[in-house]
Amino acid sequence: MTDSILSNIAEALETNLRELVKVGNLRSGHILIIGTSTSEILGHRIGTSGTLDAAKPIFETAQRISHEFGLHLAFQCCEHLNRAIVIEEELLSHAPQLVPVSVIPVPRAGGSMASYAYRHFAKPVVVETIQAHAGIDIGSTLIGMHLRPVAVPARPPVRNIGHAYVTMAFTRPKLIGGTRAVYLPDEAEQLYQTAALDADC
């Protein structure tokens, strides 16, 4: 049973990630966060039976998709490291608000997925928090604390990876303003050109 679960991880994840890229309109430079309980994938309670065997196909598939679309990957640690984030050092130059912390994830403090990512990124660093543009959560690891506002749920084509339930979300900018606010570029241009907006602001 375990072998059959492990053999299907890569295909299921790729299907879901491609859907998330599509519906979330993810573009080069965007940050994709991945939270994974390898215990839940194998049908065990989160944090009890992690395995690097499940982490490997997740990392390899996510890295391949991220390279294809120019995304920055971020892997969430488990609660023992306060759900800190493993990223490539390169991302620090694009997001100066990210501040590295001194810790090395291991399976019993950080989780199998974050540990695997830390050992297979080119130059890994850990940060306490991040604001990702989209994310996938495999096994209810609660990635929401690391998503930008406003999160929009995305329905995964593959609802389970192994035994773990999958949720996905992308984010959009906040809509601000009142009844006169305009959100669509074409409408804004038309109103601007015709001077139809009230000028009392």
C-alpha atoms as a PDB file:
ATOM      1  CA  MET A   1       0.000   0.000   0.000  1.00  0.00           C
ATOM      2  CA  THR A   2       2.763   2.459   0.903  1.00  0.00           C
ATOM      3  CA  ASP A   3       4.549   1.855  -2.406  1.00  0.00           C
ATOM      4  CA  SER A   4       1.376   2.568  -4.391  1.00  0.00           C
ATOM      5  CA  ILE A   5       0.802   5.807  -2.448  1.00  0.00           C
ATOM      6  CA  LEU A   6       4.362   6.993  -3.007  1.00  0.00           C
ATOM      7  CA  SER A   7       4.216   6.176  -6.713  1.00  0.00           C
ATOM      8  CA  ASN A   8       1.188   8.449  -7.234  1.00  0.00           C
ATOM      9  CA  ILE A   9       2.387  11.514  -5.312  1.00  0.00           C
ATOM     10  CA  ALA A  10       4.251  13.222  -8.149  1.00  0.00           C
ATOM     11  CA  GLU A  11       1.438  12.902 -10.690  1.00  0.00           C
ATOM     12  CA  ALA A  12      -1.239  14.086  -8.272  1.00  0.00           C
ATOM     13  CA  LEU A  13       0.814  17.064  -7.118  1.00  0.00           C
ATOM     14  CA  GLU A  14       1.701  18.114 -10.653  1.00  0.00           C
ATOM     15  CA  THR A  15      -1.971  18.069 -11.658  1.00  0.00           C
ATOM     16  CA  ASN A  16      -2.893  20.251  -8.690  1.00  0.00           C
ATOM     17  CA  LEU A  17      -0.004  22.676  -9.092  1.00  0.00           C
ATOM     18  CA  ARG A  18      -0.725  23.241 -12.767  1.00  0.00           C
ATOM     19  CA  GLU A  19      -4.344  24.003 -11.903  1.00  0.00           C
ATOM     20  CA  LEU A  20      -3.246  26.429  -9.185  1.00  0.00           C
ATOM     21  CA  VAL A  21      -0.888  28.229 -11.573  1.00  0.00           C
ATOM     22  CA  LYS A  22      -3.743  28.538 -14.066  1.00  0.00           C
ATOM     23  CA  VAL A  23      -6.599  29.691 -11.826  1.00  0.00           C
ATOM     24  CA  GLY A  24      -4.338  31.851  -9.676  1.00  0.00           C
ATOM     25  CA  ASN A  25      -2.703  33.487 -12.707  1.00  0.00           C
ATOM     26  CA  LEU A  26       0.690  32.861 -11.128  1.00  0.00           C
ATOM     27  CA  ARG A  27       3.576  34.564 -12.874  1.00  0.00           C
ATOM     28  CA  SER A  28       7.340  34.666 -12.735  1.00  0.00           C
ATOM     29  CA  GLY A  29       8.532  36.021  -9.397  1.00  0.00           C
ATOM     30  CA  HIS A  30       5.478  34.920  -7.437  1.00  0.00           C
ATOM     31  CA  ILE A  31       5.934  32.928  -4.233  1.00  0.00           C
ATOM     32  CA  LEU A  32       4.321  29.508  -3.859  1.00  0.00           C
ATOM     33  CA  ILE A  33       4.129  28.047  -0.362  1.00  0.00           C
ATOM     34  CA  ILE A  34       3.781  24.321   0.245  1.00  0.00           C
ATOM     35  CA  GLY A  35       2.742  22.786   3.527  1.00  0.00           C
ATOM     36  CA  THR A  36       2.911  19.012   3.752  1.00  0.00           C
ATOM     37  CA  SER A  37       2.299  16.354   6.364  1.00  0.00           C
ATOM     38  CA  THR A  38       4.012  13.249   5.077  1.00  0.00           C
ATOM     39  CA  SER A  39       2.421  11.408   8.012  1.00  0.00           C
ATOM     40  CA  GLU A  40      -1.055  12.279   6.747  1.00  0.00           C
ATOM     41  CA  ILE A  41      -0.107  11.195   3.232  1.00  0.00           C
ATOM     42  CA  LEU A  42       0.546   7.715   4.598  1.00  0.00           C
ATOM     43  CA  GLY A  43      -2.663   7.731   6.610  1.00  0.00           C
ATOM     44  CA  HIS A  44      -1.214   8.553  10.038  1.00  0.00           C
ATOM     45  CA  ARG A  45      -1.879  11.456  12.376  1.00  0.00           C
ATOM     46  CA  ILE A  46       0.062  14.605  11.514  1.00  0.00           C
ATOM     47  CA  GLY A  47       3.455  14.761  13.207  1.00  0.00           C
ATOM     48  CA  THR A  48       3.659  11.064  14.098  1.00  0.00           C
ATOM     49  CA  SER A  49       5.088   9.122  11.148  1.00  0.00           C
ATOM     50  CA  GLY A  50       6.863  11.484   8.784  1.00  0.00           C
ATOM     51  CA  THR A  51       8.868  10.055   5.921  1.00  0.00           C
ATOM     52  CA  LEU A  52      11.471  11.477   3.582  1.00  0.00           C
ATOM     53  CA  ASP A  53      10.270   9.001   0.951  1.00  0.00           C
ATOM     54  CA  ALA A  54       7.101  11.069   0.530  1.00  0.00           C
ATOM     55  CA  ALA A  55       8.962  14.373   0.746  1.00  0.00           C
ATOM     56  CA  LYS A  56      11.235  13.533  -2.187  1.00  0.00           C
ATOM     57  CA  PRO A  57       8.616  13.380  -4.997  1.00  0.00           C
ATOM     58  CA  ILE A  58       6.868  16.461  -3.605  1.00  0.00           C
ATOM     59  CA  PHE A  59      10.066  18.493  -3.635  1.00  0.00           C
ATOM     60  CA  GLU A  60      11.168  17.293  -7.062  1.00  0.00           C
ATOM     61  CA  THR A  61       7.766  17.919  -8.643  1.00  0.00           C
ATOM     62  CA  ALA A  62       7.323  21.330  -7.032  1.00  0.00           C
ATOM     63  CA  GLN A  63      10.823  22.395  -8.046  1.00  0.00           C
ATOM     64  CA  ARG A  64      10.266  21.339 -11.648  1.00  0.00           C
ATOM     65  CA  ILE A  65       6.973  23.255 -11.875  1.00  0.00           C
ATOM     66  CA  SER A  66       8.467  26.295 -10.142  1.00  0.00           C
ATOM     67  CA  HIS A  67      11.350  26.401 -12.617  1.00  0.00           C
ATOM     68  CA  GLU A  68       8.926  26.103 -15.528  1.00  0.00           C
ATOM     69  CA  PHE A  69       6.896  29.116 -14.408  1.00  0.00           C
ATOM     70  CA  GLY A  70       9.611  31.127 -12.637  1.00  0.00           C
ATOM     71  CA  LEU A  71       8.080  30.765  -9.173  1.00  0.00           C
ATOM     72  CA  HIS A  72       9.850  30.987  -5.806  1.00  0.00           C
ATOM     73  CA  LEU A  73       9.220  27.942  -3.609  1.00  0.00           C
ATOM     74  CA  ALA A  74       8.664  28.141   0.140  1.00  0.00           C
ATOM     75  CA  PHE A  75       8.231  25.067   2.337  1.00  0.00           C
ATOM     76  CA  GLN A  76       6.512  25.371   5.703  1.00  0.00           C
ATOM     77  CA  CYS A  77       8.021  23.743   8.779  1.00  0.00           C
ATOM     78  CA  CYS A  78       5.895  22.030  11.402  1.00  0.00           C
ATOM     79  CA  GLU A  79       4.590  23.655  14.575  1.00  0.00           C
ATOM     80  CA  HIS A  80       7.746  22.777  16.562  1.00  0.00           C
ATOM     81  CA  LEU A  81       9.514  25.501  14.561  1.00  0.00           C
ATOM     82  CA  ASN A  82       6.451  27.762  14.719  1.00  0.00           C
ATOM     83  CA  ARG A  83       5.678  26.975  11.086  1.00  0.00           C
ATOM     84  CA  ALA A  84       8.781  28.820   9.887  1.00  0.00           C
ATOM     85  CA  ILE A  85       9.599  28.783   6.178  1.00  0.00           C
ATOM     86  CA  VAL A  86      12.450  27.247   4.172  1.00  0.00           C
ATOM     87  CA  ILE A  87      13.359  29.237   1.055  1.00  0.00           C
ATOM     88  CA  GLU A  88      16.265  29.715  -1.310  1.00  0.00           C
ATOM     89  CA  GLU A  89      18.640  32.471  -0.217  1.00  0.00           C
ATOM     90  CA  GLU A  90      18.118  34.078  -3.623  1.00  0.00           C
ATOM     91  CA  LEU A  91      14.609  35.142  -2.607  1.00  0.00           C
ATOM     92  CA  LEU A  92      16.029  37.452   0.071  1.00  0.00           C
ATOM     93  CA  SER A  93      17.286  39.832  -2.600  1.00  0.00           C
ATOM     94  CA  HIS A  94      13.757  40.122  -4.024  1.00  0.00           C
ATOM     95  CA  ALA A  95      12.019  40.423  -0.661  1.00  0.00           C
ATOM     96  CA  PRO A  96      14.166  42.496   1.731  1.00  0.00           C
ATOM     97  CA  GLN A  97      11.487  42.296   4.440  1.00  0.00           C
ATOM     98  CA  LEU A  98      12.370  38.623   4.945  1.00  0.00           C
ATOM     99  CA  VAL A  99      14.741  38.148   7.870  1.00  0.00           C
ATOM    100  CA  PRO A 100      16.628  34.843   8.217  1.00  0.00           C
ATOM    101  CA  VAL A 101      16.653  32.975  11.527  1.00  0.00           C
ATOM    102  CA  SER A 102      19.186  30.468  12.817  1.00  0.00           C
ATOM    103  CA  VAL A 103      17.724  26.982  12.789  1.00  0.00           C
ATOM    104  CA  ILE A 104      18.142  23.835  10.730  1.00  0.00           C
ATOM    105  CA  PRO A 105      14.954  21.802  10.216  1.00  0.00           C
ATOM    106  CA  VAL A 106      15.162  18.108  11.024  1.00  0.00           C
ATOM    107  CA  PRO A 107      12.356  15.535  10.776  1.00  0.00           C
ATOM    108  CA  ARG A 108      11.483  15.704  14.481  1.00  0.00           C
ATOM    109  CA  ALA A 109      11.618  19.507  14.642  1.00  0.00           C
ATOM    110  CA  GLY A 110      10.608  21.026  11.353  1.00  0.00           C
ATOM    111  CA  GLY A 111       9.132  17.996   9.666  1.00  0.00           C
ATOM    112  CA  SER A 112      10.256  15.650   6.915  1.00  0.00           C
ATOM    113  CA  MET A 113       9.188  17.972   4.086  1.00  0.00           C
ATOM    114  CA  ALA A 114      10.987  21.068   5.361  1.00  0.00           C
ATOM    115  CA  SER A 115      14.025  18.977   6.275  1.00  0.00           C
ATOM    116  CA  TYR A 116      14.192  17.547   2.779  1.00  0.00           C
ATOM    117  CA  ALA A 117      13.813  20.976   1.199  1.00  0.00           C
ATOM    118  CA  TYR A 118      16.538  22.432   3.415  1.00  0.00           C
ATOM    119  CA  ARG A 119      18.959  19.733   2.286  1.00  0.00           C
ATOM    120  CA  HIS A 120      18.118  19.966  -1.393  1.00  0.00           C
ATOM    121  CA  PHE A 121      17.814  23.693  -2.042  1.00  0.00           C
ATOM    122  CA  ALA A 122      20.997  25.203  -3.496  1.00  0.00           C
ATOM    123  CA  LYS A 123      21.391  27.735  -0.653  1.00  0.00           C
ATOM    124  CA  PRO A 124      18.623  27.272   1.915  1.00  0.00           C
ATOM    125  CA  VAL A 125      17.650  29.766   4.583  1.00  0.00           C
ATOM    126  CA  VAL A 126      14.836  29.782   7.119  1.00  0.00           C
ATOM    127  CA  VAL A 127      12.598  32.790   7.752  1.00  0.00           C
ATOM    128  CA  GLU A 128       9.880  33.146  10.368  1.00  0.00           C
ATOM    129  CA  THR A 129       7.119  34.279   8.057  1.00  0.00           C
ATOM    130  CA  ILE A 130       6.347  35.052   4.452  1.00  0.00           C
ATOM    131  CA  GLN A 131       3.477  36.409   2.367  1.00  0.00           C
ATOM    132  CA  ALA A 132       3.031  34.003  -0.519  1.00  0.00           C
ATOM    133  CA  HIS A 133       0.945  34.616  -3.614  1.00  0.00           C
ATOM    134  CA  ALA A 134      -0.500  31.099  -3.560  1.00  0.00           C
ATOM    135  CA  GLY A 135      -0.186  27.846  -1.706  1.00  0.00           C
ATOM    136  CA  ILE A 136      -1.054  24.192  -1.502  1.00  0.00           C
ATOM    137  CA  ASP A 137      -1.710  22.428   1.793  1.00  0.00           C
ATOM    138  CA  ILE A 138      -1.373  18.651   1.890  1.00  0.00           C
ATOM    139  CA  GLY A 139      -2.687  17.242   5.154  1.00  0.00           C
ATOM    140  CA  SER A 140      -4.091  20.353   6.879  1.00  0.00           C
ATOM    141  CA  THR A 141      -0.804  21.995   7.886  1.00  0.00           C
ATOM    142  CA  LEU A 142      -2.439  25.443   8.065  1.00  0.00           C
ATOM    143  CA  ILE A 143      -0.526  27.493   5.500  1.00  0.00           C
ATOM    144  CA  GLY A 144      -3.029  30.359   5.707  1.00  0.00           C
ATOM    145  CA  MET A 145      -0.825  32.306   8.124  1.00  0.00           C
ATOM    146  CA  HIS A 146       1.719  32.657   5.301  1.00  0.00           C
ATOM    147  CA  LEU A 147      -0.595  33.791   2.491  1.00  0.00           C
ATOM    148  CA  ARG A 148      -1.132  37.372   1.397  1.00  0.00           C
ATOM    149  CA  PRO A 149      -4.576  38.845   1.878  1.00  0.00           C
ATOM    150  CA  VAL A 150      -7.019  38.134   0.290  1.00  0.00           C
ATOM    151  CA  ALA A 151      -6.958  34.326  -0.013  1.00  0.00           C
ATOM    152  CA  VAL A 152      -9.230  32.780  -2.650  1.00  0.00           C
ATOM    153  CA  PRO A 153      -9.900  29.019  -2.427  1.00  0.00           C
ATOM    154  CA  ALA A 154      -9.044  26.953  -5.499  1.00  0.00           C
ATOM    155  CA  ARG A 155     -10.596  23.544  -6.024  1.00  0.00           C
ATOM    156  CA  PRO A 156      -7.876  20.898  -6.466  1.00  0.00           C
ATOM    157  CA  PRO A 157      -8.492  18.434  -9.322  1.00  0.00           C
ATOM    158  CA  VAL A 158      -6.994  15.707  -7.099  1.00  0.00           C
ATOM    159  CA  ARG A 159      -8.652  16.036  -3.698  1.00  0.00           C
ATOM    160  CA  ASN A 160      -6.295  13.674  -1.849  1.00  0.00           C
ATOM    161  CA  ILE A 161      -2.602  12.928  -2.133  1.00  0.00           C
ATOM    162  CA  GLY A 162      -2.253   9.548  -0.524  1.00  0.00           C
ATOM    163  CA  HIS A 163      -4.558   9.771   2.471  1.00  0.00           C
ATOM    164  CA  ALA A 164      -3.982  13.514   2.954  1.00  0.00           C
ATOM    165  CA  TYR A 165      -6.712  16.001   2.096  1.00  0.00           C
ATOM    166  CA  VAL A 166      -5.549  18.782  -0.218  1.00  0.00           C
ATOM    167  CA  THR A 167      -6.562  22.435  -0.118  1.00  0.00           C
ATOM    168  CA  MET A 168      -5.261  25.205  -2.359  1.00  0.00           C
ATOM    169  CA  ALA A 169      -5.576  28.960  -2.528  1.00  0.00           C
ATOM    170  CA  PHE A 170      -4.314  31.925  -4.476  1.00  0.00           C
ATOM    171  CA  THR A 171      -4.449  35.544  -3.382  1.00  0.00           C
ATOM    172  CA  ARG A 172      -5.684  38.799  -4.854  1.00  0.00           C
ATOM    173  CA  PRO A 173      -5.189  42.459  -3.933  1.00  0.00           C
ATOM    174  CA  LYS A 174      -7.741  43.908  -1.523  1.00  0.00           C
ATOM    175  CA  LEU A 175     -10.667  45.699  -3.131  1.00  0.00           C
ATOM    176  CA  ILE A 176     -10.842  49.149  -1.539  1.00  0.00           C
ATOM    177  CA  GLY A 177     -13.278  51.997  -1.889  1.00  0.00           C
ATOM    178  CA  GLY A 178     -17.037  52.385  -1.735  1.00  0.00           C
ATOM    179  CA  THR A 179     -19.892  52.313  -4.194  1.00  0.00           C
ATOM    180  CA  ARG A 180     -18.043  54.534  -6.679  1.00  0.00           C
ATOM    181  CA  ALA A 181     -14.866  52.450  -6.694  1.00  0.00           C
ATOM    182  CA  VAL A 182     -13.822  50.897 -10.004  1.00  0.00           C
ATOM    183  CA  TYR A 183     -11.874  47.631 -10.239  1.00  0.00           C
ATOM    184  CA  LEU A 184     -11.817  46.759 -13.956  1.00  0.00           C
ATOM    185  CA  PRO A 185      -9.156  48.458 -16.132  1.00  0.00           C
ATOM    186  CA  ASP A 186     -11.446  48.867 -19.168  1.00  0.00           C
ATOM    187  CA  GLU A 187     -14.162  50.488 -17.097  1.00  0.00           C
ATOM    188  CA  ALA A 188     -11.660  52.806 -15.414  1.00  0.00           C
ATOM    189  CA  GLU A 189     -10.248  53.899 -18.769  1.00  0.00           C
ATOM    190  CA  GLN A 190     -13.700  54.572 -20.171  1.00  0.00           C
ATOM    191  CA  LEU A 191     -14.716  56.660 -17.164  1.00  0.00           C
ATOM    192  CA  TYR A 192     -11.432  58.562 -17.261  1.00  0.00           C
ATOM    193  CA  GLN A 193     -11.740  59.356 -20.950  1.00  0.00           C
ATOM    194  CA  THR A 194     -15.333  60.547 -20.667  1.00  0.00           C
ATOM    195  CA  ALA A 195     -14.709  62.431 -17.393  1.00  0.00           C
ATOM    196  CA  ALA A 196     -17.761  60.687 -15.981  1.00  0.00           C
ATOM    197  CA  LEU A 197     -16.398  60.358 -12.474  1.00  0.00           C
ATOM    198  CA  ASP A 198     -17.582  62.871  -9.901  1.00  0.00           C
ATOM    199  CA  ALA A 199     -14.745  65.259  -9.134  1.00  0.00           C
ATOM    200  CA  ASP A 200     -15.553  65.962  -5.516  1.00  0.00           C
ATOM    201  CA  CYS A 201     -12.855  63.793  -3.909  1.00  0.00           C
END
